Amino acid sequence: MKNMNDVDRVQEILKDRKQVDILNASLSSFGGRDVSSKVSRILKFLFIDELASEFSFYGKRLNKRPFSDLHLRTVIIDSIKHTTPGITNKDIEDSIKIWLKHALARQKKEIDRRRKRQEDEDFNRINN
């Protein structure tokens, strides 16, 4: 998802239990060596960092939207629990909190990478 309109659309779609089951099955196929990597792979697939940086888990800080209110939260938890026996909701939620917390830093890092790549291309174009 790239913007809040996309999030709102997905929220609406996930009111249909059949759609929840389809997404759950899809997300359950994402691999990962541990809960943190599974959460990261799923959230990276679902959200661009620019959008993720507009959320915090409870929405208490900096006027961010609460991720905990999204239907996606439940789908993500269910899909990971399906493939990871013995894992708790708290374990998954803690990984989501950390991933959301670092979204802005990932976004800035990507911007810096793109700027550096562009500078290198410009330098090579001028000197070749």
N, C-alpha and C. Protein backbone atom coordinates (compact mmCIF):
# COMPACT_ATOMS: atom_id res chain seq x y z
N MET A 1 0.85 -1.17 0.00
CA MET A 1 0.00 0.00 0.00
C MET A 1 0.89 1.23 0.00
N LYS A 2 0.43 2.24 -0.70
CA LYS A 2 1.25 3.43 -0.86
C LYS A 2 0.70 4.66 -0.15
N ASN A 3 -0.59 4.64 0.20
CA ASN A 3 -1.17 5.81 0.86
C ASN A 3 -2.36 5.38 1.74
N MET A 4 -2.89 6.34 2.49
CA MET A 4 -3.98 6.04 3.42
C MET A 4 -5.24 5.59 2.69
N ASN A 5 -5.45 6.07 1.48
CA ASN A 5 -6.61 5.60 0.71
C ASN A 5 -6.51 4.10 0.46
N ASP A 6 -5.30 3.62 0.16
CA ASP A 6 -5.09 2.18 -0.02
C ASP A 6 -5.40 1.43 1.27
N VAL A 7 -4.96 1.97 2.39
CA VAL A 7 -5.22 1.33 3.69
C VAL A 7 -6.72 1.26 3.94
N ASP A 8 -7.40 2.36 3.69
CA ASP A 8 -8.85 2.39 3.91
C ASP A 8 -9.57 1.39 3.00
N ARG A 9 -9.10 1.26 1.76
CA ARG A 9 -9.69 0.29 0.83
C ARG A 9 -9.48 -1.14 1.32
N VAL A 10 -8.28 -1.43 1.78
CA VAL A 10 -7.99 -2.77 2.29
C VAL A 10 -8.82 -3.05 3.54
N GLN A 11 -8.97 -2.05 4.39
CA GLN A 11 -9.80 -2.21 5.59
C GLN A 11 -11.23 -2.60 5.20
N GLU A 12 -11.73 -1.94 4.18
CA GLU A 12 -13.09 -2.23 3.71
C GLU A 12 -13.18 -3.65 3.15
N ILE A 13 -12.19 -4.03 2.36
CA ILE A 13 -12.15 -5.37 1.76
C ILE A 13 -12.09 -6.45 2.85
N LEU A 14 -11.34 -6.18 3.91
CA LEU A 14 -11.15 -7.18 4.96
C LEU A 14 -12.35 -7.31 5.90
N LYS A 15 -13.41 -6.59 5.62
CA LYS A 15 -14.66 -6.81 6.35
C LYS A 15 -15.32 -8.11 5.88
N ASP A 16 -14.89 -8.58 4.70
CA ASP A 16 -15.40 -9.82 4.12
C ASP A 16 -14.51 -10.98 4.58
N ARG A 17 -15.07 -11.91 5.33
CA ARG A 17 -14.30 -13.03 5.90
C ARG A 17 -13.57 -13.84 4.83
N LYS A 18 -14.18 -13.96 3.66
CA LYS A 18 -13.55 -14.71 2.57
C LYS A 18 -12.24 -14.03 2.15
N GLN A 19 -12.25 -12.70 2.09
CA GLN A 19 -11.05 -11.95 1.73
C GLN A 19 -9.97 -12.07 2.82
N VAL A 20 -10.41 -12.11 4.07
CA VAL A 20 -9.47 -12.30 5.18
C VAL A 20 -8.77 -13.64 5.03
N ASP A 21 -9.54 -14.68 4.72
CA ASP A 21 -8.97 -16.02 4.55
C ASP A 21 -7.98 -16.07 3.39
N ILE A 22 -8.30 -15.39 2.30
CA ILE A 22 -7.41 -15.35 1.14
C ILE A 22 -6.09 -14.66 1.50
N LEU A 23 -6.18 -13.50 2.15
CA LEU A 23 -4.96 -12.78 2.54
C LEU A 23 -4.17 -13.58 3.57
N ASN A 24 -4.86 -14.17 4.51
CA ASN A 24 -4.20 -14.98 5.53
C ASN A 24 -3.41 -16.11 4.90
N ALA A 25 -4.00 -16.79 3.94
CA ALA A 25 -3.31 -17.89 3.25
C ALA A 25 -2.08 -17.37 2.51
N SER A 26 -2.21 -16.22 1.88
CA SER A 26 -1.09 -15.64 1.15
C SER A 26 0.04 -15.25 2.10
N LEU A 27 -0.29 -14.55 3.18
CA LEU A 27 0.74 -14.10 4.12
C LEU A 27 1.38 -15.27 4.86
N SER A 28 0.64 -16.34 5.04
CA SER A 28 1.18 -17.52 5.71
C SER A 28 2.32 -18.15 4.91
N SER A 29 2.36 -17.87 3.62
CA SER A 29 3.40 -18.46 2.78
C SER A 29 4.72 -17.69 2.84
N PHE A 30 4.72 -16.52 3.48
CA PHE A 30 5.95 -15.75 3.61
C PHE A 30 6.87 -16.47 4.59
N GLY A 31 8.09 -16.63 4.22
CA GLY A 31 9.03 -17.31 5.10
C GLY A 31 9.72 -16.35 6.05
N GLY A 32 10.65 -16.88 6.77
CA GLY A 32 11.44 -16.11 7.72
C GLY A 32 12.01 -17.03 8.77
N ARG A 33 13.17 -16.68 9.27
CA ARG A 33 13.84 -17.57 10.23
C ARG A 33 13.28 -17.42 11.64
N ASP A 34 12.64 -16.27 11.92
CA ASP A 34 12.06 -16.04 13.24
C ASP A 34 10.89 -15.08 13.09
N VAL A 35 10.25 -14.76 14.21
CA VAL A 35 9.07 -13.88 14.17
C VAL A 35 9.41 -12.53 13.58
N SER A 36 10.51 -11.96 14.00
CA SER A 36 10.91 -10.64 13.53
C SER A 36 11.07 -10.61 12.01
N SER A 37 11.72 -11.61 11.46
CA SER A 37 11.92 -11.62 10.00
C SER A 37 10.62 -11.88 9.26
N LYS A 38 9.74 -12.69 9.83
CA LYS A 38 8.43 -12.92 9.20
C LYS A 38 7.62 -11.63 9.19
N VAL A 39 7.58 -10.94 10.32
CA VAL A 39 6.85 -9.67 10.40
C VAL A 39 7.43 -8.68 9.40
N SER A 40 8.74 -8.58 9.36
CA SER A 40 9.39 -7.65 8.45
C SER A 40 9.06 -7.94 6.99
N ARG A 41 9.11 -9.20 6.60
CA ARG A 41 8.82 -9.57 5.21
C ARG A 41 7.37 -9.24 4.85
N ILE A 42 6.46 -9.53 5.77
CA ILE A 42 5.04 -9.27 5.51
C ILE A 42 4.77 -7.77 5.42
N LEU A 43 5.27 -7.01 6.39
CA LEU A 43 4.99 -5.57 6.40
C LEU A 43 5.68 -4.87 5.23
N LYS A 44 6.87 -5.33 4.87
CA LYS A 44 7.55 -4.75 3.71
C LYS A 44 6.76 -4.99 2.43
N PHE A 45 6.11 -6.15 2.36
CA PHE A 45 5.26 -6.46 1.21
C PHE A 45 4.01 -5.58 1.19
N LEU A 46 3.44 -5.32 2.36
CA LEU A 46 2.17 -4.60 2.45
C LEU A 46 2.30 -3.08 2.41
N PHE A 47 3.38 -2.53 2.97
CA PHE A 47 3.50 -1.08 3.15
C PHE A 47 4.80 -0.56 2.57
N ILE A 48 4.74 0.60 1.92
CA ILE A 48 5.98 1.31 1.64
C ILE A 48 6.34 2.04 2.93
N ASP A 49 7.62 2.32 3.13
CA ASP A 49 8.06 2.94 4.38
C ASP A 49 7.44 4.31 4.62
N GLU A 50 7.22 5.06 3.55
CA GLU A 50 6.61 6.37 3.70
C GLU A 50 5.23 6.26 4.36
N LEU A 51 4.47 5.28 3.97
CA LEU A 51 3.16 5.06 4.57
C LEU A 51 3.30 4.48 5.98
N ALA A 52 4.19 3.52 6.15
CA ALA A 52 4.38 2.90 7.46
C ALA A 52 4.79 3.93 8.51
N SER A 53 5.52 4.96 8.09
CA SER A 53 5.97 5.98 9.05
C SER A 53 4.81 6.84 9.56
N GLU A 54 3.63 6.69 8.97
CA GLU A 54 2.45 7.42 9.44
C GLU A 54 1.69 6.64 10.52
N PHE A 55 2.20 5.48 10.89
CA PHE A 55 1.57 4.63 11.90
C PHE A 55 2.48 4.44 13.10
N SER A 56 1.88 4.27 14.26
CA SER A 56 2.54 3.65 15.41
C SER A 56 1.57 2.58 15.89
N PHE A 57 2.02 1.70 16.74
CA PHE A 57 1.16 0.58 17.08
C PHE A 57 -0.15 1.03 17.71
N TYR A 58 -0.06 1.97 18.65
CA TYR A 58 -1.27 2.45 19.32
C TYR A 58 -1.72 3.83 18.84
N GLY A 59 -0.93 4.49 18.01
CA GLY A 59 -1.30 5.80 17.49
C GLY A 59 -1.18 6.91 18.50
N LYS A 60 -0.40 6.72 19.54
CA LYS A 60 -0.31 7.71 20.63
C LYS A 60 0.72 8.80 20.36
N ARG A 61 1.66 8.53 19.50
CA ARG A 61 2.76 9.48 19.31
C ARG A 61 2.63 10.24 18.00
N LEU A 62 2.94 11.51 18.07
CA LEU A 62 3.07 12.36 16.88
C LEU A 62 1.88 12.29 15.94
N ASN A 63 0.69 12.16 16.50
CA ASN A 63 -0.55 12.12 15.71
C ASN A 63 -0.52 11.05 14.62
N LYS A 64 0.04 9.91 14.94
CA LYS A 64 0.08 8.82 13.98
C LYS A 64 -1.18 7.98 14.10
N ARG A 65 -1.48 7.26 13.03
CA ARG A 65 -2.64 6.37 13.04
C ARG A 65 -2.31 5.09 13.80
N PRO A 66 -3.28 4.56 14.52
CA PRO A 66 -3.02 3.33 15.28
C PRO A 66 -3.08 2.08 14.40
N PHE A 67 -1.96 1.39 14.31
CA PHE A 67 -1.90 0.14 13.56
C PHE A 67 -2.76 -0.92 14.24
N SER A 68 -2.86 -0.84 15.56
CA SER A 68 -3.60 -1.84 16.33
C SER A 68 -5.08 -1.86 15.98
N ASP A 69 -5.60 -0.79 15.39
CA ASP A 69 -7.01 -0.74 15.00
C ASP A 69 -7.29 -1.37 13.64
N LEU A 70 -6.24 -1.69 12.89
CA LEU A 70 -6.42 -2.22 11.54
C LEU A 70 -6.79 -3.70 11.56
N HIS A 71 -7.66 -4.09 10.63
CA HIS A 71 -7.96 -5.51 10.44
C HIS A 71 -6.69 -6.27 10.06
N LEU A 72 -5.77 -5.57 9.40
CA LEU A 72 -4.52 -6.19 8.99
C LEU A 72 -3.74 -6.74 10.18
N ARG A 73 -3.81 -6.07 11.30
CA ARG A 73 -3.11 -6.52 12.50
C ARG A 73 -3.50 -7.96 12.82
N THR A 74 -4.79 -8.21 12.83
CA THR A 74 -5.29 -9.56 13.15
C THR A 74 -4.88 -10.56 12.08
N VAL A 75 -4.95 -10.16 10.83
CA VAL A 75 -4.58 -11.07 9.73
C VAL A 75 -3.10 -11.42 9.83
N ILE A 76 -2.26 -10.43 10.09
CA ILE A 76 -0.82 -10.68 10.21
C ILE A 76 -0.54 -11.63 11.38
N ILE A 77 -1.15 -11.34 12.51
CA ILE A 77 -0.94 -12.20 13.69
C ILE A 77 -1.39 -13.63 13.39
N ASP A 78 -2.57 -13.78 12.82
CA ASP A 78 -3.08 -15.12 12.52
C ASP A 78 -2.19 -15.86 11.53
N SER A 79 -1.71 -15.16 10.51
CA SER A 79 -0.89 -15.82 9.49
C SER A 79 0.44 -16.28 10.07
N ILE A 80 1.02 -15.50 10.97
CA ILE A 80 2.29 -15.89 11.58
C ILE A 80 2.08 -17.01 12.60
N LYS A 81 1.02 -16.92 13.37
CA LYS A 81 0.73 -17.98 14.35
C LYS A 81 0.45 -19.31 13.65
N HIS A 82 -0.11 -19.23 12.46
CA HIS A 82 -0.42 -20.44 11.69
C HIS A 82 0.85 -21.22 11.33
N THR A 83 1.94 -20.49 11.10
CA THR A 83 3.18 -21.13 10.66
C THR A 83 4.24 -21.20 11.75
N THR A 84 3.95 -20.63 12.92
CA THR A 84 4.94 -20.58 14.00
C THR A 84 4.30 -21.04 15.30
N PRO A 85 4.30 -22.33 15.56
CA PRO A 85 3.67 -22.83 16.77
C PRO A 85 4.32 -22.27 18.04
N GLY A 86 3.49 -22.00 19.03
CA GLY A 86 4.00 -21.55 20.32
C GLY A 86 4.28 -20.06 20.41
N ILE A 87 4.09 -19.33 19.33
CA ILE A 87 4.35 -17.89 19.35
C ILE A 87 3.14 -17.18 19.93
N THR A 88 3.37 -16.08 20.64
CA THR A 88 2.27 -15.34 21.25
C THR A 88 1.94 -14.09 20.44
N ASN A 89 0.75 -13.57 20.66
CA ASN A 89 0.36 -12.30 20.04
C ASN A 89 1.35 -11.21 20.42
N LYS A 90 1.76 -11.20 21.68
CA LYS A 90 2.68 -10.16 22.16
C LYS A 90 4.00 -10.21 21.40
N ASP A 91 4.52 -11.41 21.15
CA ASP A 91 5.77 -11.54 20.38
C ASP A 91 5.63 -10.89 19.01
N ILE A 92 4.52 -11.16 18.36
CA ILE A 92 4.28 -10.62 17.02
C ILE A 92 4.05 -9.12 17.09
N GLU A 93 3.24 -8.67 18.04
CA GLU A 93 2.98 -7.24 18.20
C GLU A 93 4.25 -6.47 18.50
N ASP A 94 5.13 -7.03 19.33
CA ASP A 94 6.40 -6.35 19.63
C ASP A 94 7.24 -6.19 18.37
N SER A 95 7.25 -7.20 17.51
CA SER A 95 7.99 -7.09 16.25
C SER A 95 7.37 -6.06 15.32
N ILE A 96 6.04 -5.98 15.30
CA ILE A 96 5.36 -4.96 14.50
C ILE A 96 5.72 -3.57 15.01
N LYS A 97 5.72 -3.39 16.32
CA LYS A 97 6.06 -2.09 16.93
C LYS A 97 7.45 -1.64 16.50
N ILE A 98 8.40 -2.55 16.56
CA ILE A 98 9.78 -2.22 16.19
C ILE A 98 9.86 -1.88 14.71
N TRP A 99 9.20 -2.66 13.86
CA TRP A 99 9.24 -2.41 12.42
C TRP A 99 8.66 -1.03 12.10
N LEU A 100 7.53 -0.70 12.71
CA LEU A 100 6.91 0.61 12.48
C LEU A 100 7.81 1.73 12.99
N LYS A 101 8.41 1.52 14.14
CA LYS A 101 9.28 2.53 14.75
C LYS A 101 10.44 2.91 13.82
N HIS A 102 10.94 1.95 13.07
CA HIS A 102 12.10 2.20 12.21
C HIS A 102 11.74 2.57 10.77
N ALA A 103 10.47 2.74 10.47
CA ALA A 103 10.04 3.05 9.10
C ALA A 103 10.64 4.35 8.59
N LEU A 104 10.64 5.38 9.42
CA LEU A 104 11.18 6.67 8.98
C LEU A 104 12.67 6.57 8.68
N ALA A 105 13.41 5.86 9.51
CA ALA A 105 14.85 5.68 9.28
C ALA A 105 15.10 4.92 7.98
N ARG A 106 14.30 3.88 7.71
CA ARG A 106 14.45 3.14 6.45
C ARG A 106 14.15 4.04 5.26
N GLN A 107 13.12 4.87 5.41
CA GLN A 107 12.73 5.79 4.35
C GLN A 107 13.87 6.76 4.06
N LYS A 108 14.46 7.34 5.09
CA LYS A 108 15.57 8.28 4.91
C LYS A 108 16.78 7.59 4.28
N LYS A 109 17.04 6.36 4.71
CA LYS A 109 18.17 5.61 4.17
C LYS A 109 17.98 5.36 2.67
N GLU A 110 16.77 5.03 2.27
CA GLU A 110 16.48 4.80 0.86
C GLU A 110 16.64 6.09 0.05
N ILE A 111 16.20 7.21 0.59
CA ILE A 111 16.36 8.50 -0.09
C ILE A 111 17.85 8.80 -0.27
N ASP A 112 18.65 8.57 0.78
CA ASP A 112 20.09 8.79 0.68
C ASP A 112 20.72 7.88 -0.37
N ARG A 113 20.28 6.61 -0.42
CA ARG A 113 20.79 5.67 -1.42
C ARG A 113 20.49 6.15 -2.84
N ARG A 114 19.27 6.60 -3.04
CA ARG A 114 18.88 7.09 -4.37
C ARG A 114 19.67 8.32 -4.76
N ARG A 115 19.86 9.24 -3.80
CA ARG A 115 20.62 10.45 -4.08
C ARG A 115 22.07 10.10 -4.44
N LYS A 116 22.67 9.19 -3.69
CA LYS A 116 24.04 8.77 -3.96
C LYS A 116 24.15 8.11 -5.33
N ARG A 117 23.19 7.24 -5.65
CA ARG A 117 23.18 6.58 -6.96
C ARG A 117 23.09 7.63 -8.07
N GLN A 118 22.22 8.62 -7.90
CA GLN A 118 22.06 9.67 -8.90
C GLN A 118 23.34 10.49 -9.04
N GLU A 119 23.98 10.81 -7.92
CA GLU A 119 25.24 11.55 -7.97
C GLU A 119 26.31 10.75 -8.71
N ASP A 120 26.37 9.44 -8.44
CA ASP A 120 27.34 8.58 -9.13
C ASP A 120 27.07 8.54 -10.63
N GLU A 121 25.81 8.43 -11.00
CA GLU A 121 25.45 8.41 -12.42
C GLU A 121 25.80 9.74 -13.08
N ASP A 122 25.52 10.84 -12.40
CA ASP A 122 25.85 12.16 -12.94
C ASP A 122 27.36 12.31 -13.10
N PHE A 123 28.12 11.87 -12.11
CA PHE A 123 29.57 11.95 -12.16
C PHE A 123 30.11 11.13 -13.33
N ASN A 124 29.60 9.91 -13.48
CA ASN A 124 30.05 9.05 -14.58
C ASN A 124 29.69 9.62 -15.94
N ARG A 125 28.52 10.22 -16.04
CA ARG A 125 28.08 10.81 -17.30
C ARG A 125 28.98 11.99 -17.67
N ILE A 126 29.35 12.79 -16.71
CA ILE A 126 30.20 13.96 -16.95
C ILE A 126 31.61 13.54 -17.32
N ASN A 127 32.12 12.51 -16.66
CA ASN A 127 33.52 12.10 -16.85
C ASN A 127 33.72 11.03 -17.91
N ASN A 128 32.69 10.65 -18.60
CA ASN A 128 32.86 9.63 -19.66
C ASN A 128 32.55 10.18 -21.00
